[in-house]
Amino acid sequence: MEAHGFLHLGKRAKKIIHDLIIITCWCIWKERNEMAFQNVKCGPQDTLRVVKSRGFV
């Protein structure tokens, strides 16, 4: 969660990377819940698709 702090980037770039990490974690959590509680099969491609749909990648 703090990896962006060690990069030699500007404040805006660090914020974007931090936000990308947060949204990716949220997507992984959401996909995991769908697998556990709704018996929906999800894979890494599905998670990446959701992250991309949020406009971060």
PDB file of N, CA and C in Angstrom:
ATOM      1  N   MET A   1       0.813  -1.200   0.000  1.00  0.00           N
ATOM      2  CA  MET A   1       0.000   0.000   0.000  1.00  0.00           C
ATOM      3  C   MET A   1       0.860   1.268   0.000  1.00  0.00           C
ATOM      4  N   GLU A   2       2.072   1.176   0.428  1.00  0.00           N
ATOM      5  CA  GLU A   2       2.932   2.353   0.487  1.00  0.00           C
ATOM      6  C   GLU A   2       4.046   2.339  -0.554  1.00  0.00           C
ATOM      7  N   ALA A   3       4.001   1.418  -1.493  1.00  0.00           N
ATOM      8  CA  ALA A   3       5.064   1.285  -2.491  1.00  0.00           C
ATOM      9  C   ALA A   3       5.243   2.560  -3.303  1.00  0.00           C
ATOM     10  N   HIS A   4       4.160   3.262  -3.557  1.00  0.00           N
ATOM     11  CA  HIS A   4       4.250   4.491  -4.351  1.00  0.00           C
ATOM     12  C   HIS A   4       5.104   5.557  -3.665  1.00  0.00           C
ATOM     13  N   GLY A   5       5.241   5.488  -2.355  1.00  0.00           N
ATOM     14  CA  GLY A   5       6.014   6.469  -1.608  1.00  0.00           C
ATOM     15  C   GLY A   5       7.511   6.370  -1.861  1.00  0.00           C
ATOM     16  N   PHE A   6       7.968   5.223  -2.337  1.00  0.00           N
ATOM     17  CA  PHE A   6       9.389   5.016  -2.575  1.00  0.00           C
ATOM     18  C   PHE A   6       9.809   5.353  -4.004  1.00  0.00           C
ATOM     19  N   LEU A   7       8.831   5.662  -4.836  1.00  0.00           N
ATOM     20  CA  LEU A   7       9.130   5.997  -6.223  1.00  0.00           C
ATOM     21  C   LEU A   7       9.492   7.472  -6.336  1.00  0.00           C
ATOM     22  N   HIS A   8      10.367   7.781  -7.243  1.00  0.00           N
ATOM     23  CA  HIS A   8      10.774   9.170  -7.455  1.00  0.00           C
ATOM     24  C   HIS A   8       9.883   9.782  -8.523  1.00  0.00           C
ATOM     25  N   LEU A   9       8.640  10.035  -8.136  1.00  0.00           N
ATOM     26  CA  LEU A   9       7.644  10.595  -9.029  1.00  0.00           C
ATOM     27  C   LEU A   9       7.039  11.837  -8.387  1.00  0.00           C
ATOM     28  N   GLY A  10       6.339  12.577  -9.172  1.00  0.00           N
ATOM     29  CA  GLY A  10       5.655  13.749  -8.653  1.00  0.00           C
ATOM     30  C   GLY A  10       4.470  13.363  -7.779  1.00  0.00           C
ATOM     31  N   LYS A  11       3.942  14.340  -7.087  1.00  0.00           N
ATOM     32  CA  LYS A  11       2.839  14.114  -6.163  1.00  0.00           C
ATOM     33  C   LYS A  11       1.605  13.566  -6.889  1.00  0.00           C
ATOM     34  N   ARG A  12       1.313  14.098  -8.063  1.00  0.00           N
ATOM     35  CA  ARG A  12       0.148  13.641  -8.832  1.00  0.00           C
ATOM     36  C   ARG A  12       0.322  12.190  -9.283  1.00  0.00           C
ATOM     37  N   ALA A  13       1.501  11.826  -9.771  1.00  0.00           N
ATOM     38  CA  ALA A  13       1.761  10.454 -10.214  1.00  0.00           C
ATOM     39  C   ALA A  13       1.648   9.484  -9.040  1.00  0.00           C
ATOM     40  N   LYS A  14       2.160   9.870  -7.882  1.00  0.00           N
ATOM     41  CA  LYS A  14       2.054   9.016  -6.696  1.00  0.00           C
ATOM     42  C   LYS A  14       0.594   8.816  -6.297  1.00  0.00           C
ATOM     43  N   LYS A  15      -0.200   9.870  -6.407  1.00  0.00           N
ATOM     44  CA  LYS A  15      -1.628   9.786  -6.081  1.00  0.00           C
ATOM     45  C   LYS A  15      -2.335   8.832  -7.036  1.00  0.00           C
ATOM     46  N   ILE A  16      -2.009   8.905  -8.321  1.00  0.00           N
ATOM     47  CA  ILE A  16      -2.616   8.027  -9.310  1.00  0.00           C
ATOM     48  C   ILE A  16      -2.258   6.571  -9.014  1.00  0.00           C
ATOM     49  N   ILE A  17      -0.997   6.310  -8.703  1.00  0.00           N
ATOM     50  CA  ILE A  17      -0.560   4.940  -8.394  1.00  0.00           C
ATOM     51  C   ILE A  17      -1.252   4.446  -7.135  1.00  0.00           C
ATOM     52  N   HIS A  18      -1.334   5.283  -6.120  1.00  0.00           N
ATOM     53  CA  HIS A  18      -2.013   4.909  -4.880  1.00  0.00           C
ATOM     54  C   HIS A  18      -3.476   4.568  -5.154  1.00  0.00           C
ATOM     55  N   ASP A  19      -4.147   5.402  -5.935  1.00  0.00           N
ATOM     56  CA  ASP A  19      -5.548   5.149  -6.269  1.00  0.00           C
ATOM     57  C   ASP A  19      -5.703   3.849  -7.046  1.00  0.00           C
ATOM     58  N   LEU A  20      -4.767   3.578  -7.942  1.00  0.00           N
ATOM     59  CA  LEU A  20      -4.812   2.335  -8.712  1.00  0.00           C
ATOM     60  C   LEU A  20      -4.672   1.123  -7.792  1.00  0.00           C
ATOM     61  N   ILE A  21      -3.804   1.208  -6.818  1.00  0.00           N
ATOM     62  CA  ILE A  21      -3.629   0.117  -5.847  1.00  0.00           C
ATOM     63  C   ILE A  21      -4.917  -0.095  -5.062  1.00  0.00           C
ATOM     64  N   ILE A  22      -5.537   0.980  -4.610  1.00  0.00           N
ATOM     65  CA  ILE A  22      -6.780   0.887  -3.831  1.00  0.00           C
ATOM     66  C   ILE A  22      -7.894   0.255  -4.665  1.00  0.00           C
ATOM     67  N   ILE A  23      -8.083   0.731  -5.896  1.00  0.00           N
ATOM     68  CA  ILE A  23      -9.163   0.199  -6.721  1.00  0.00           C
ATOM     69  C   ILE A  23      -8.915  -1.258  -7.089  1.00  0.00           C
ATOM     70  N   THR A  24      -7.658  -1.631  -7.289  1.00  0.00           N
ATOM     71  CA  THR A  24      -7.336  -3.024  -7.599  1.00  0.00           C
ATOM     72  C   THR A  24      -7.656  -3.920  -6.401  1.00  0.00           C
ATOM     73  N   CYS A  25      -7.296  -3.488  -5.212  1.00  0.00           N
ATOM     74  CA  CYS A  25      -7.614  -4.263  -4.002  1.00  0.00           C
ATOM     75  C   CYS A  25      -9.120  -4.409  -3.843  1.00  0.00           C
ATOM     76  N   TRP A  26      -9.850  -3.340  -4.103  1.00  0.00           N
ATOM     77  CA  TRP A  26     -11.306  -3.377  -3.990  1.00  0.00           C
ATOM     78  C   TRP A  26     -11.891  -4.364  -4.995  1.00  0.00           C
ATOM     79  N   CYS A  27     -11.385  -4.341  -6.222  1.00  0.00           N
ATOM     80  CA  CYS A  27     -11.880  -5.251  -7.256  1.00  0.00           C
ATOM     81  C   CYS A  27     -11.593  -6.706  -6.890  1.00  0.00           C
ATOM     82  N   ILE A  28     -10.403  -6.969  -6.374  1.00  0.00           N
ATOM     83  CA  ILE A  28     -10.064  -8.331  -5.946  1.00  0.00           C
ATOM     84  C   ILE A  28     -11.007  -8.774  -4.841  1.00  0.00           C
ATOM     85  N   TRP A  29     -11.270  -7.897  -3.875  1.00  0.00           N
ATOM     86  CA  TRP A  29     -12.182  -8.215  -2.774  1.00  0.00           C
ATOM     87  C   TRP A  29     -13.594  -8.497  -3.300  1.00  0.00           C
ATOM     88  N   LYS A  30     -14.058  -7.663  -4.221  1.00  0.00           N
ATOM     89  CA  LYS A  30     -15.386  -7.830  -4.793  1.00  0.00           C
ATOM     90  C   LYS A  30     -15.492  -9.152  -5.557  1.00  0.00           C
ATOM     91  N   GLU A  31     -14.496  -9.458  -6.365  1.00  0.00           N
ATOM     92  CA  GLU A  31     -14.492 -10.712  -7.121  1.00  0.00           C
ATOM     93  C   GLU A  31     -14.469 -11.911  -6.177  1.00  0.00           C
ATOM     94  N   ARG A  32     -13.706 -11.812  -5.106  1.00  0.00           N
ATOM     95  CA  ARG A  32     -13.621 -12.898  -4.129  1.00  0.00           C
ATOM     96  C   ARG A  32     -14.978 -13.123  -3.465  1.00  0.00           C
ATOM     97  N   ASN A  33     -15.672 -12.038  -3.133  1.00  0.00           N
ATOM     98  CA  ASN A  33     -16.995 -12.166  -2.528  1.00  0.00           C
ATOM     99  C   ASN A  33     -17.989 -12.802  -3.490  1.00  0.00           C
ATOM    100  N   GLU A  34     -17.902 -12.439  -4.773  1.00  0.00           N
ATOM    101  CA  GLU A  34     -18.797 -13.051  -5.749  1.00  0.00           C
ATOM    102  C   GLU A  34     -18.538 -14.554  -5.859  1.00  0.00           C
ATOM    103  N   MET A  35     -17.273 -14.934  -5.801  1.00  0.00           N
ATOM    104  CA  MET A  35     -16.940 -16.361  -5.850  1.00  0.00           C
ATOM    105  C   MET A  35     -17.446 -17.082  -4.613  1.00  0.00           C
ATOM    106  N   ALA A  36     -17.278 -16.468  -3.455  1.00  0.00           N
ATOM    107  CA  ALA A  36     -17.620 -17.114  -2.193  1.00  0.00           C
ATOM    108  C   ALA A  36     -19.128 -17.166  -1.937  1.00  0.00           C
ATOM    109  N   PHE A  37     -19.835 -16.089  -2.264  1.00  0.00           N
ATOM    110  CA  PHE A  37     -21.236 -15.996  -1.857  1.00  0.00           C
ATOM    111  C   PHE A  37     -22.238 -16.174  -2.987  1.00  0.00           C
ATOM    112  N   GLN A  38     -21.808 -15.981  -4.225  1.00  0.00           N
ATOM    113  CA  GLN A  38     -22.737 -16.114  -5.344  1.00  0.00           C
ATOM    114  C   GLN A  38     -22.323 -17.214  -6.310  1.00  0.00           C
ATOM    115  N   ASN A  39     -21.259 -17.919  -5.975  1.00  0.00           N
ATOM    116  CA  ASN A  39     -20.756 -19.021  -6.785  1.00  0.00           C
ATOM    117  C   ASN A  39     -20.464 -18.594  -8.226  1.00  0.00           C
ATOM    118  N   VAL A  40     -19.962 -17.367  -8.387  1.00  0.00           N
ATOM    119  CA  VAL A  40     -19.589 -16.836  -9.699  1.00  0.00           C
ATOM    120  C   VAL A  40     -18.112 -17.125  -9.912  1.00  0.00           C
ATOM    121  N   LYS A  41     -17.782 -17.694 -11.048  1.00  0.00           N
ATOM    122  CA  LYS A  41     -16.380 -17.989 -11.365  1.00  0.00           C
ATOM    123  C   LYS A  41     -15.727 -16.749 -11.966  1.00  0.00           C
ATOM    124  N   CYS A  42     -14.654 -16.281 -11.340  1.00  0.00           N
ATOM    125  CA  CYS A  42     -13.933 -15.096 -11.791  1.00  0.00           C
ATOM    126  C   CYS A  42     -12.454 -15.445 -11.915  1.00  0.00           C
ATOM    127  N   GLY A  43     -11.805 -14.794 -12.828  1.00  0.00           N
ATOM    128  CA  GLY A  43     -10.381 -15.000 -13.009  1.00  0.00           C
ATOM    129  C   GLY A  43      -9.650 -13.664 -13.031  1.00  0.00           C
ATOM    130  N   PRO A  44      -8.342 -13.703 -13.138  1.00  0.00           N
ATOM    131  CA  PRO A  44      -7.558 -12.467 -13.165  1.00  0.00           C
ATOM    132  C   PRO A  44      -7.965 -11.536 -14.312  1.00  0.00           C
ATOM    133  N   GLN A  45      -8.348 -12.107 -15.441  1.00  0.00           N
ATOM    134  CA  GLN A  45      -8.769 -11.285 -16.573  1.00  0.00           C
ATOM    135  C   GLN A  45     -10.030 -10.501 -16.235  1.00  0.00           C
ATOM    136  N   ASP A  46     -10.913 -11.119 -15.482  1.00  0.00           N
ATOM    137  CA  ASP A  46     -12.142 -10.439 -15.078  1.00  0.00           C
ATOM    138  C   ASP A  46     -11.829  -9.253 -14.163  1.00  0.00           C
ATOM    139  N   THR A  47     -10.927  -9.464 -13.226  1.00  0.00           N
ATOM    140  CA  THR A  47     -10.532  -8.383 -12.318  1.00  0.00           C
ATOM    141  C   THR A  47      -9.869  -7.254 -13.092  1.00  0.00           C
ATOM    142  N   LEU A  48      -8.987  -7.580 -14.018  1.00  0.00           N
ATOM    143  CA  LEU A  48      -8.330  -6.564 -14.828  1.00  0.00           C
ATOM    144  C   LEU A  48      -9.348  -5.790 -15.664  1.00  0.00           C
ATOM    145  N   ARG A  49     -10.338  -6.487 -16.180  1.00  0.00           N
ATOM    146  CA  ARG A  49     -11.386  -5.832 -16.966  1.00  0.00           C
ATOM    147  C   ARG A  49     -12.134  -4.803 -16.105  1.00  0.00           C
ATOM    148  N   VAL A  50     -12.437  -5.157 -14.864  1.00  0.00           N
ATOM    149  CA  VAL A  50     -13.146  -4.248 -13.971  1.00  0.00           C
ATOM    150  C   VAL A  50     -12.274  -3.032 -13.656  1.00  0.00           C
ATOM    151  N   VAL A  51     -10.990  -3.255 -13.379  1.00  0.00           N
ATOM    152  CA  VAL A  51     -10.078  -2.144 -13.093  1.00  0.00           C
ATOM    153  C   VAL A  51     -10.009  -1.217 -14.303  1.00  0.00           C
ATOM    154  N   LYS A  52      -9.887  -1.780 -15.496  1.00  0.00           N
ATOM    155  CA  LYS A  52      -9.830  -0.969 -16.714  1.00  0.00           C
ATOM    156  C   LYS A  52     -11.117  -0.192 -16.917  1.00  0.00           C
ATOM    157  N   SER A  53     -12.242  -0.790 -16.575  1.00  0.00           N
ATOM    158  CA  SER A  53     -13.523  -0.111 -16.773  1.00  0.00           C
ATOM    159  C   SER A  53     -13.689   1.092 -15.853  1.00  0.00           C
ATOM    160  N   ARG A  54     -12.897   1.131 -14.793  1.00  0.00           N
ATOM    161  CA  ARG A  54     -12.931   2.267 -13.869  1.00  0.00           C
ATOM    162  C   ARG A  54     -12.105   3.441 -14.406  1.00  0.00           C
ATOM    163  N   GLY A  55     -11.405   3.210 -15.511  1.00  0.00           N
ATOM    164  CA  GLY A  55     -10.662   4.289 -16.152  1.00  0.00           C
ATOM    165  C   GLY A  55      -9.279   4.539 -15.603  1.00  0.00           C
ATOM    166  N   PHE A  56      -8.742   3.609 -14.822  1.00  0.00           N
ATOM    167  CA  PHE A  56      -7.424   3.808 -14.232  1.00  0.00           C
ATOM    168  C   PHE A  56      -6.304   3.253 -15.097  1.00  0.00           C
ATOM    169  N   VAL A  57      -6.603   2.281 -15.942  1.00  0.00           N
ATOM    170  CA  VAL A  57      -5.547   1.671 -16.769  1.00  0.00           C
ATOM    171  C   VAL A  57      -5.868   1.927 -18.215  1.00  0.00           C
TER     172      VAL A  57
END
